Amino acid sequence: GDETPRVVLAFHKPKGLVTTRSDPGGRATVYDALGEVGRWVFPVGRLDRDTSGLLVLTNDHRLGERLTSPEHHVPKTYHARVAGLPDAEALRALREGLPLDDGALTRPAKVRVLGTPRGEDGASTWLEIVLTEGKNRQVRRMGAAVGHEVLELVRVRIGRLSLGDLAPGEWRELGPAEVQSLLAGARLLRQ
């Protein structure tokens, strides 16, 4: 029969949208922003309501599984503004892995300091954090675990696909090479 063409979208999820198809509380969802195209695609993983940035949506379930399965270790890059100025000890804990509130240990992560904007609200620090796993609200929980609340969070990259200059609320369809770049950096662990 006819093969449904694969659709893969990159969407810049604005803060304030939830990633579910419908929200019991009547909050706006990513589907409201996607309009007609949203009928055919589902989000790969999720971003919580207060997180913005790169969300991939597709109608290809196998691709969705490859991007989210823990075995594939697809790296996801976040920019997080945290309260205060994390010291060497806090950065080391984030990099090496640490226990979250439920006792689960995080995998080692890449963490680098991007800068310290001086705002009226006192000191805060932008960090770049690269995770190869996606526990629920993980970056926020990691920040809490080292005593630095996450104030703003943006996902800027999945694999080698970057948010680029997509404005919040905008989406575009990905070509085959870009779909490959999503999977770049993924490695299947041999059992």
Foldseek 3Di string as FASTA:
>chain_A
DDDDDKWKKKAWADAFAFQDPQDPVRTHHLCVLVDPVSVQWHWQDTDGRRETEIIMIINDVVLSCCLAPLQFLWKWKKKWKWPDDDDPVLQVCQQCWDQFPVRDTFHGKDKDWPDWDQDPVGIITIMMIIGSHDDPVVVQRSCVVSPIGTPYMYTADTQQQGRPPADHSDMDTDDPVNSVSNSHPTDRDDD
